[in-house]
Amino acid sequence: MKVWIDQDLCTGDGLCEEICPPVFTLLDDGLAYVKEGQEVFNNPGGATQMAPVPEDLEDAVTEASEECPGECIFVEND
């Protein structure tokens, strides 16, 4: 599974980070980004920067996607 965020749709609520902090983070611009370990995919973000999701976090990432008020989290299954 891989995940990415469309920052144009992100409302900055931070629910994704609350649900799954190992995969999602909010930056100083107020928008959410995906990450892998300490590497944040924010250059430029969006669909060009998908983060792999560890198998043990797939349920949390799916929940974050479903709960996102901006509907900006996109999950792609391998």
PDB file of N, CA and C in Angstrom:
ATOM      1  N   MET A   1       0.843  -1.177   0.000  1.00  0.00           N
ATOM      2  CA  MET A   1       0.000   0.000   0.000  1.00  0.00           C
ATOM      3  C   MET A   1       0.889   1.241   0.000  1.00  0.00           C
ATOM      4  N   LYS A   2       0.432   2.242  -0.750  1.00  0.00           N
ATOM      5  CA  LYS A   2       1.100   3.546  -0.739  1.00  0.00           C
ATOM      6  C   LYS A   2       0.041   4.620  -0.506  1.00  0.00           C
ATOM      7  N   VAL A   3       0.488   5.776  -0.026  1.00  0.00           N
ATOM      8  CA  VAL A   3      -0.448   6.853   0.292  1.00  0.00           C
ATOM      9  C   VAL A   3       0.157   8.189  -0.111  1.00  0.00           C
ATOM     10  N   TRP A   4      -0.715   9.096  -0.517  1.00  0.00           N
ATOM     11  CA  TRP A   4      -0.287  10.462  -0.815  1.00  0.00           C
ATOM     12  C   TRP A   4      -1.412  11.417  -0.457  1.00  0.00           C
ATOM     13  N   ILE A   5      -1.062  12.690  -0.328  1.00  0.00           N
ATOM     14  CA  ILE A   5      -2.029  13.727   0.042  1.00  0.00           C
ATOM     15  C   ILE A   5      -2.045  14.797  -1.032  1.00  0.00           C
ATOM     16  N   ASP A   6      -3.254  15.208  -1.414  1.00  0.00           N
ATOM     17  CA  ASP A   6      -3.425  16.340  -2.324  1.00  0.00           C
ATOM     18  C   ASP A   6      -3.492  17.603  -1.464  1.00  0.00           C
ATOM     19  N   GLN A   7      -2.396  18.340  -1.395  1.00  0.00           N
ATOM     20  CA  GLN A   7      -2.340  19.523  -0.536  1.00  0.00           C
ATOM     21  C   GLN A   7      -3.332  20.604  -0.962  1.00  0.00           C
ATOM     22  N   ASP A   8      -3.782  20.599  -2.216  1.00  0.00           N
ATOM     23  CA  ASP A   8      -4.783  21.574  -2.654  1.00  0.00           C
ATOM     24  C   ASP A   8      -6.131  21.345  -1.971  1.00  0.00           C
ATOM     25  N   LEU A   9      -6.367  20.118  -1.517  1.00  0.00           N
ATOM     26  CA  LEU A   9      -7.623  19.785  -0.847  1.00  0.00           C
ATOM     27  C   LEU A   9      -7.497  19.766   0.672  1.00  0.00           C
ATOM     28  N   CYS A  10      -6.280  19.766   1.177  1.00  0.00           N
ATOM     29  CA  CYS A  10      -6.039  19.640   2.621  1.00  0.00           C
ATOM     30  C   CYS A  10      -6.587  20.848   3.377  1.00  0.00           C
ATOM     31  N   THR A  11      -7.335  20.555   4.447  1.00  0.00           N
ATOM     32  CA  THR A  11      -7.903  21.616   5.288  1.00  0.00           C
ATOM     33  C   THR A  11      -7.048  21.891   6.523  1.00  0.00           C
ATOM     34  N   GLY A  12      -6.012  21.074   6.735  1.00  0.00           N
ATOM     35  CA  GLY A  12      -5.105  21.295   7.856  1.00  0.00           C
ATOM     36  C   GLY A  12      -5.678  20.950   9.211  1.00  0.00           C
ATOM     37  N   ASP A  13      -6.713  20.112   9.260  1.00  0.00           N
ATOM     38  CA  ASP A  13      -7.317  19.739  10.536  1.00  0.00           C
ATOM     39  C   ASP A  13      -6.406  18.872  11.400  1.00  0.00           C
ATOM     40  N   GLY A  14      -5.535  18.116  10.789  1.00  0.00           N
ATOM     41  CA  GLY A  14      -4.589  17.312  11.535  1.00  0.00           C
ATOM     42  C   GLY A  14      -5.107  15.979  12.034  1.00  0.00           C
ATOM     43  N   LEU A  15      -6.307  15.580  11.597  1.00  0.00           N
ATOM     44  CA  LEU A  15      -6.835  14.288  12.037  1.00  0.00           C
ATOM     45  C   LEU A  15      -5.937  13.147  11.589  1.00  0.00           C
ATOM     46  N   CYS A  16      -5.376  13.258  10.396  1.00  0.00           N
ATOM     47  CA  CYS A  16      -4.516  12.192   9.893  1.00  0.00           C
ATOM     48  C   CYS A  16      -3.304  12.008  10.799  1.00  0.00           C
ATOM     49  N   GLU A  17      -2.730  13.107  11.236  1.00  0.00           N
ATOM     50  CA  GLU A  17      -1.563  13.036  12.118  1.00  0.00           C
ATOM     51  C   GLU A  17      -1.944  12.453  13.479  1.00  0.00           C
ATOM     52  N   GLU A  18      -3.136  12.765  13.958  1.00  0.00           N
ATOM     53  CA  GLU A  18      -3.601  12.206  15.228  1.00  0.00           C
ATOM     54  C   GLU A  18      -3.821  10.697  15.115  1.00  0.00           C
ATOM     55  N   ILE A  19      -4.371  10.266  13.986  1.00  0.00           N
ATOM     56  CA  ILE A  19      -4.694   8.856  13.791  1.00  0.00           C
ATOM     57  C   ILE A  19      -3.447   8.024  13.506  1.00  0.00           C
ATOM     58  N   CYS A  20      -2.527   8.568  12.699  1.00  0.00           N
ATOM     59  CA  CYS A  20      -1.359   7.782  12.296  1.00  0.00           C
ATOM     60  C   CYS A  20      -0.112   8.662  12.163  1.00  0.00           C
ATOM     61  N   PRO A  21       0.453   9.102  13.291  1.00  0.00           N
ATOM     62  CA  PRO A  21       1.618   9.990  13.237  1.00  0.00           C
ATOM     63  C   PRO A  21       2.867   9.408  12.569  1.00  0.00           C
ATOM     64  N   PRO A  22       3.036   8.081  12.498  1.00  0.00           N
ATOM     65  CA  PRO A  22       4.221   7.593  11.782  1.00  0.00           C
ATOM     66  C   PRO A  22       4.184   7.855  10.274  1.00  0.00           C
ATOM     67  N   VAL A  23       2.990   8.120   9.718  1.00  0.00           N
ATOM     68  CA  VAL A  23       2.857   8.293   8.266  1.00  0.00           C
ATOM     69  C   VAL A  23       2.494   9.721   7.874  1.00  0.00           C
ATOM     70  N   PHE A  24       1.804  10.457   8.743  1.00  0.00           N
ATOM     71  CA  PHE A  24       1.329  11.795   8.398  1.00  0.00           C
ATOM     72  C   PHE A  24       1.931  12.849   9.317  1.00  0.00           C
ATOM     73  N   THR A  25       2.167  14.027   8.764  1.00  0.00           N
ATOM     74  CA  THR A  25       2.664  15.139   9.563  1.00  0.00           C
ATOM     75  C   THR A  25       2.135  16.454   9.006  1.00  0.00           C
ATOM     76  N   LEU A  26       1.938  17.428   9.882  1.00  0.00           N
ATOM     77  CA  LEU A  26       1.586  18.778   9.459  1.00  0.00           C
ATOM     78  C   LEU A  26       2.841  19.631   9.525  1.00  0.00           C
ATOM     79  N   LEU A  27       3.055  20.431   8.492  1.00  0.00           N
ATOM     80  CA  LEU A  27       4.222  21.306   8.456  1.00  0.00           C
ATOM     81  C   LEU A  27       3.825  22.743   8.763  1.00  0.00           C
ATOM     82  N   ASP A  28       4.801  23.628   8.778  1.00  0.00           N
ATOM     83  CA  ASP A  28       4.570  25.038   9.118  1.00  0.00           C
ATOM     84  C   ASP A  28       3.591  25.733   8.186  1.00  0.00           C
ATOM     85  N   ASP A  29       3.408  25.184   6.970  1.00  0.00           N
ATOM     86  CA  ASP A  29       2.451  25.793   6.042  1.00  0.00           C
ATOM     87  C   ASP A  29       1.007  25.433   6.388  1.00  0.00           C
ATOM     88  N   GLY A  30       0.817  24.613   7.441  1.00  0.00           N
ATOM     89  CA  GLY A  30      -0.525  24.251   7.886  1.00  0.00           C
ATOM     90  C   GLY A  30      -1.138  23.099   7.120  1.00  0.00           C
ATOM     91  N   LEU A  31      -0.364  22.455   6.258  1.00  0.00           N
ATOM     92  CA  LEU A  31      -0.877  21.366   5.437  1.00  0.00           C
ATOM     93  C   LEU A  31      -0.248  20.041   5.848  1.00  0.00           C
ATOM     94  N   ALA A  32      -0.969  18.969   5.568  1.00  0.00           N
ATOM     95  CA  ALA A  32      -0.487  17.631   5.886  1.00  0.00           C
ATOM     96  C   ALA A  32       0.322  17.060   4.734  1.00  0.00           C
ATOM     97  N   TYR A  33       1.315  16.260   5.104  1.00  0.00           N
ATOM     98  CA  TYR A  33       2.172  15.571   4.143  1.00  0.00           C
ATOM     99  C   TYR A  33       2.396  14.151   4.635  1.00  0.00           C
ATOM    100  N   VAL A  34       2.746  13.255   3.718  1.00  0.00           N
ATOM    101  CA  VAL A  34       3.109  11.901   4.098  1.00  0.00           C
ATOM    102  C   VAL A  34       4.607  11.849   4.357  1.00  0.00           C
ATOM    103  N   LYS A  35       4.997  10.832   5.111  1.00  0.00           N
ATOM    104  CA  LYS A  35       6.417  10.691   5.412  1.00  0.00           C
ATOM    105  C   LYS A  35       6.763   9.214   5.530  1.00  0.00           C
ATOM    106  N   GLU A  36       8.052   8.949   5.397  1.00  0.00           N
ATOM    107  CA  GLU A  36       8.595   7.617   5.620  1.00  0.00           C
ATOM    108  C   GLU A  36       9.757   7.787   6.583  1.00  0.00           C
ATOM    109  N   GLY A  37       9.583   7.298   7.805  1.00  0.00           N
ATOM    110  CA  GLY A  37      10.584   7.545   8.834  1.00  0.00           C
ATOM    111  C   GLY A  37      10.652   9.036   9.117  1.00  0.00           C
ATOM    112  N   GLN A  38      11.846   9.611   9.013  1.00  0.00           N
ATOM    113  CA  GLN A  38      12.026  11.055   9.233  1.00  0.00           C
ATOM    114  C   GLN A  38      11.927  11.863   7.943  1.00  0.00           C
ATOM    115  N   GLU A  39      11.822  11.178   6.791  1.00  0.00           N
ATOM    116  CA  GLU A  39      11.767  11.892   5.510  1.00  0.00           C
ATOM    117  C   GLU A  39      10.337  12.303   5.177  1.00  0.00           C
ATOM    118  N   VAL A  40      10.104  13.609   5.118  1.00  0.00           N
ATOM    119  CA  VAL A  40       8.796  14.149   4.768  1.00  0.00           C
ATOM    120  C   VAL A  40       8.781  14.419   3.265  1.00  0.00           C
ATOM    121  N   PHE A  41       7.742  13.914   2.608  1.00  0.00           N
ATOM    122  CA  PHE A  41       7.619  14.078   1.160  1.00  0.00           C
ATOM    123  C   PHE A  41       6.873  15.377   0.851  1.00  0.00           C
ATOM    124  N   ASN A  42       7.584  16.478   0.931  1.00  0.00           N
ATOM    125  CA  ASN A  42       6.970  17.792   0.725  1.00  0.00           C
ATOM    126  C   ASN A  42       7.619  18.580  -0.404  1.00  0.00           C
ATOM    127  N   ASN A  43       8.354  17.904  -1.268  1.00  0.00           N
ATOM    128  CA  ASN A  43       9.012  18.603  -2.364  1.00  0.00           C
ATOM    129  C   ASN A  43       8.749  17.900  -3.674  1.00  0.00           C
ATOM    130  N   PRO A  44       7.620  18.104  -4.316  1.00  0.00           N
ATOM    131  CA  PRO A  44       6.594  19.096  -4.048  1.00  0.00           C
ATOM    132  C   PRO A  44       5.392  18.583  -3.268  1.00  0.00           C
ATOM    133  N   GLY A  45       5.363  17.311  -2.909  1.00  0.00           N
ATOM    134  CA  GLY A  45       4.168  16.744  -2.289  1.00  0.00           C
ATOM    135  C   GLY A  45       3.246  16.215  -3.365  1.00  0.00           C
ATOM    136  N   GLY A  46       2.005  15.975  -3.025  1.00  0.00           N
ATOM    137  CA  GLY A  46       1.030  15.508  -4.001  1.00  0.00           C
ATOM    138  C   GLY A  46       1.299  14.102  -4.487  1.00  0.00           C
ATOM    139  N   ALA A  47       0.692  13.773  -5.625  1.00  0.00           N
ATOM    140  CA  ALA A  47       0.728  12.414  -6.159  1.00  0.00           C
ATOM    141  C   ALA A  47       2.119  11.979  -6.583  1.00  0.00           C
ATOM    142  N   THR A  48       3.009  12.934  -6.827  1.00  0.00           N
ATOM    143  CA  THR A  48       4.359  12.559  -7.240  1.00  0.00           C
ATOM    144  C   THR A  48       5.176  12.033  -6.075  1.00  0.00           C
ATOM    145  N   GLN A  49       4.677  12.195  -4.868  1.00  0.00           N
ATOM    146  CA  GLN A  49       5.426  11.759  -3.696  1.00  0.00           C
ATOM    147  C   GLN A  49       4.563  10.867  -2.817  1.00  0.00           C
ATOM    148  N   MET A  50       4.538   9.583  -3.171  1.00  0.00           N
ATOM    149  CA  MET A  50       3.787   8.599  -2.408  1.00  0.00           C
ATOM    150  C   MET A  50       4.702   7.953  -1.377  1.00  0.00           C
ATOM    151  N   ALA A  51       4.149   7.707  -0.211  1.00  0.00           N
ATOM    152  CA  ALA A  51       4.906   7.044   0.844  1.00  0.00           C
ATOM    153  C   ALA A  51       4.443   5.597   0.956  1.00  0.00           C
ATOM    154  N   PRO A  52       5.385   4.677   1.066  1.00  0.00           N
ATOM    155  CA  PRO A  52       4.988   3.293   1.335  1.00  0.00           C
ATOM    156  C   PRO A  52       4.442   3.183   2.757  1.00  0.00           C
ATOM    157  N   VAL A  53       3.438   2.346   2.921  1.00  0.00           N
ATOM    158  CA  VAL A  53       2.802   2.183   4.235  1.00  0.00           C
ATOM    159  C   VAL A  53       3.208   0.828   4.813  1.00  0.00           C
ATOM    160  N   PRO A  54       3.830   0.828   5.985  1.00  0.00           N
ATOM    161  CA  PRO A  54       4.132  -0.452   6.626  1.00  0.00           C
ATOM    162  C   PRO A  54       2.845  -1.242   6.863  1.00  0.00           C
ATOM    163  N   GLU A  55       2.928  -2.548   6.706  1.00  0.00           N
ATOM    164  CA  GLU A  55       1.743  -3.397   6.800  1.00  0.00           C
ATOM    165  C   GLU A  55       0.983  -3.203   8.112  1.00  0.00           C
ATOM    166  N   ASP A  56       1.696  -3.001   9.212  1.00  0.00           N
ATOM    167  CA  ASP A  56       1.029  -2.853  10.504  1.00  0.00           C
ATOM    168  C   ASP A  56       0.309  -1.514  10.663  1.00  0.00           C
ATOM    169  N   LEU A  57       0.521  -0.584   9.722  1.00  0.00           N
ATOM    170  CA  LEU A  57      -0.146   0.724   9.789  1.00  0.00           C
ATOM    171  C   LEU A  57      -1.231   0.899   8.724  1.00  0.00           C
ATOM    172  N   GLU A  58      -1.460  -0.131   7.928  1.00  0.00           N
ATOM    173  CA  GLU A  58      -2.438  -0.006   6.834  1.00  0.00           C
ATOM    174  C   GLU A  58      -3.835   0.343   7.334  1.00  0.00           C
ATOM    175  N   ASP A  59      -4.276  -0.276   8.433  1.00  0.00           N
ATOM    176  CA  ASP A  59      -5.619   0.024   8.963  1.00  0.00           C
ATOM    177  C   ASP A  59      -5.710   1.470   9.427  1.00  0.00           C
ATOM    178  N   ALA A  60      -4.671   1.975  10.078  1.00  0.00           N
ATOM    179  CA  ALA A  60      -4.680   3.360  10.556  1.00  0.00           C
ATOM    180  C   ALA A  60      -4.672   4.343   9.393  1.00  0.00           C
ATOM    181  N   VAL A  61      -3.922   4.045   8.344  1.00  0.00           N
ATOM    182  CA  VAL A  61      -3.891   4.922   7.168  1.00  0.00           C
ATOM    183  C   VAL A  61      -5.247   4.921   6.472  1.00  0.00           C
ATOM    184  N   THR A  62      -5.878   3.757   6.380  1.00  0.00           N
ATOM    185  CA  THR A  62      -7.215   3.672   5.788  1.00  0.00           C
ATOM    186  C   THR A  62      -8.211   4.477   6.619  1.00  0.00           C
ATOM    187  N   GLU A  63      -8.137   4.369   7.935  1.00  0.00           N
ATOM    188  CA  GLU A  63      -9.015   5.140   8.811  1.00  0.00           C
ATOM    189  C   GLU A  63      -8.793   6.641   8.625  1.00  0.00           C
ATOM    190  N   ALA A  64      -7.531   7.061   8.552  1.00  0.00           N
ATOM    191  CA  ALA A  64      -7.229   8.479   8.345  1.00  0.00           C
ATOM    192  C   ALA A  64      -7.821   8.969   7.033  1.00  0.00           C
ATOM    193  N   SER A  65      -7.718   8.159   6.002  1.00  0.00           N
ATOM    194  CA  SER A  65      -8.277   8.525   4.706  1.00  0.00           C
ATOM    195  C   SER A  65      -9.793   8.690   4.782  1.00  0.00           C
ATOM    196  N   GLU A  66     -10.448   7.774   5.476  1.00  0.00           N
ATOM    197  CA  GLU A  66     -11.909   7.812   5.598  1.00  0.00           C
ATOM    198  C   GLU A  66     -12.383   8.978   6.466  1.00  0.00           C
ATOM    199  N   GLU A  67     -11.603   9.360   7.485  1.00  0.00           N
ATOM    200  CA  GLU A  67     -12.001  10.410   8.419  1.00  0.00           C
ATOM    201  C   GLU A  67     -11.608  11.819   7.957  1.00  0.00           C
ATOM    202  N   CYS A  68     -10.774  11.924   6.956  1.00  0.00           N
ATOM    203  CA  CYS A  68     -10.252  13.221   6.514  1.00  0.00           C
ATOM    204  C   CYS A  68     -11.379  14.145   6.034  1.00  0.00           C
ATOM    205  N   PRO A  69     -11.551  15.310   6.666  1.00  0.00           N
ATOM    206  CA  PRO A  69     -12.622  16.216   6.258  1.00  0.00           C
ATOM    207  C   PRO A  69     -12.398  16.822   4.867  1.00  0.00           C
ATOM    208  N   GLY A  70     -11.158  16.917   4.431  1.00  0.00           N
ATOM    209  CA  GLY A  70     -10.873  17.451   3.117  1.00  0.00           C
ATOM    210  C   GLY A  70     -10.871  16.416   2.010  1.00  0.00           C
ATOM    211  N   GLU A  71     -11.031  15.138   2.403  1.00  0.00           N
ATOM    212  CA  GLU A  71     -10.989  14.014   1.459  1.00  0.00           C
ATOM    213  C   GLU A  71      -9.772  14.105   0.555  1.00  0.00           C
ATOM    214  N   CYS A  72      -8.628  14.399   1.155  1.00  0.00           N
ATOM    215  CA  CYS A  72      -7.415  14.634   0.375  1.00  0.00           C
ATOM    216  C   CYS A  72      -6.385  13.521   0.471  1.00  0.00           C
ATOM    217  N   ILE A  73      -6.682  12.464   1.230  1.00  0.00           N
ATOM    218  CA  ILE A  73      -5.743  11.354   1.394  1.00  0.00           C
ATOM    219  C   ILE A  73      -6.126  10.248   0.423  1.00  0.00           C
ATOM    220  N   PHE A  74      -5.156   9.868  -0.404  1.00  0.00           N
ATOM    221  CA  PHE A  74      -5.396   8.867  -1.435  1.00  0.00           C
ATOM    222  C   PHE A  74      -4.529   7.639  -1.186  1.00  0.00           C
ATOM    223  N   VAL A  75      -5.181   6.493  -1.091  1.00  0.00           N
ATOM    224  CA  VAL A  75      -4.515   5.237  -0.821  1.00  0.00           C
ATOM    225  C   VAL A  75      -4.493   4.420  -2.110  1.00  0.00           C
ATOM    226  N   GLU A  76      -3.323   3.876  -2.433  1.00  0.00           N
ATOM    227  CA  GLU A  76      -3.181   3.022  -3.606  1.00  0.00           C
ATOM    228  C   GLU A  76      -2.641   1.682  -3.148  1.00  0.00           C
ATOM    229  N   ASN A  77      -3.380   0.641  -3.475  1.00  0.00           N
ATOM    230  CA  ASN A  77      -2.937  -0.700  -3.113  1.00  0.00           C
ATOM    231  C   ASN A  77      -1.981  -1.231  -4.157  1.00  0.00           C
ATOM    232  N   ASP A  78      -0.952  -1.917  -3.681  1.00  0.00           N
ATOM    233  CA  ASP A  78       0.052  -2.479  -4.590  1.00  0.00           C
ATOM    234  C   ASP A  78      -0.519  -3.628  -5.390  1.00  0.00           C
TER     235      ASP A  78
END
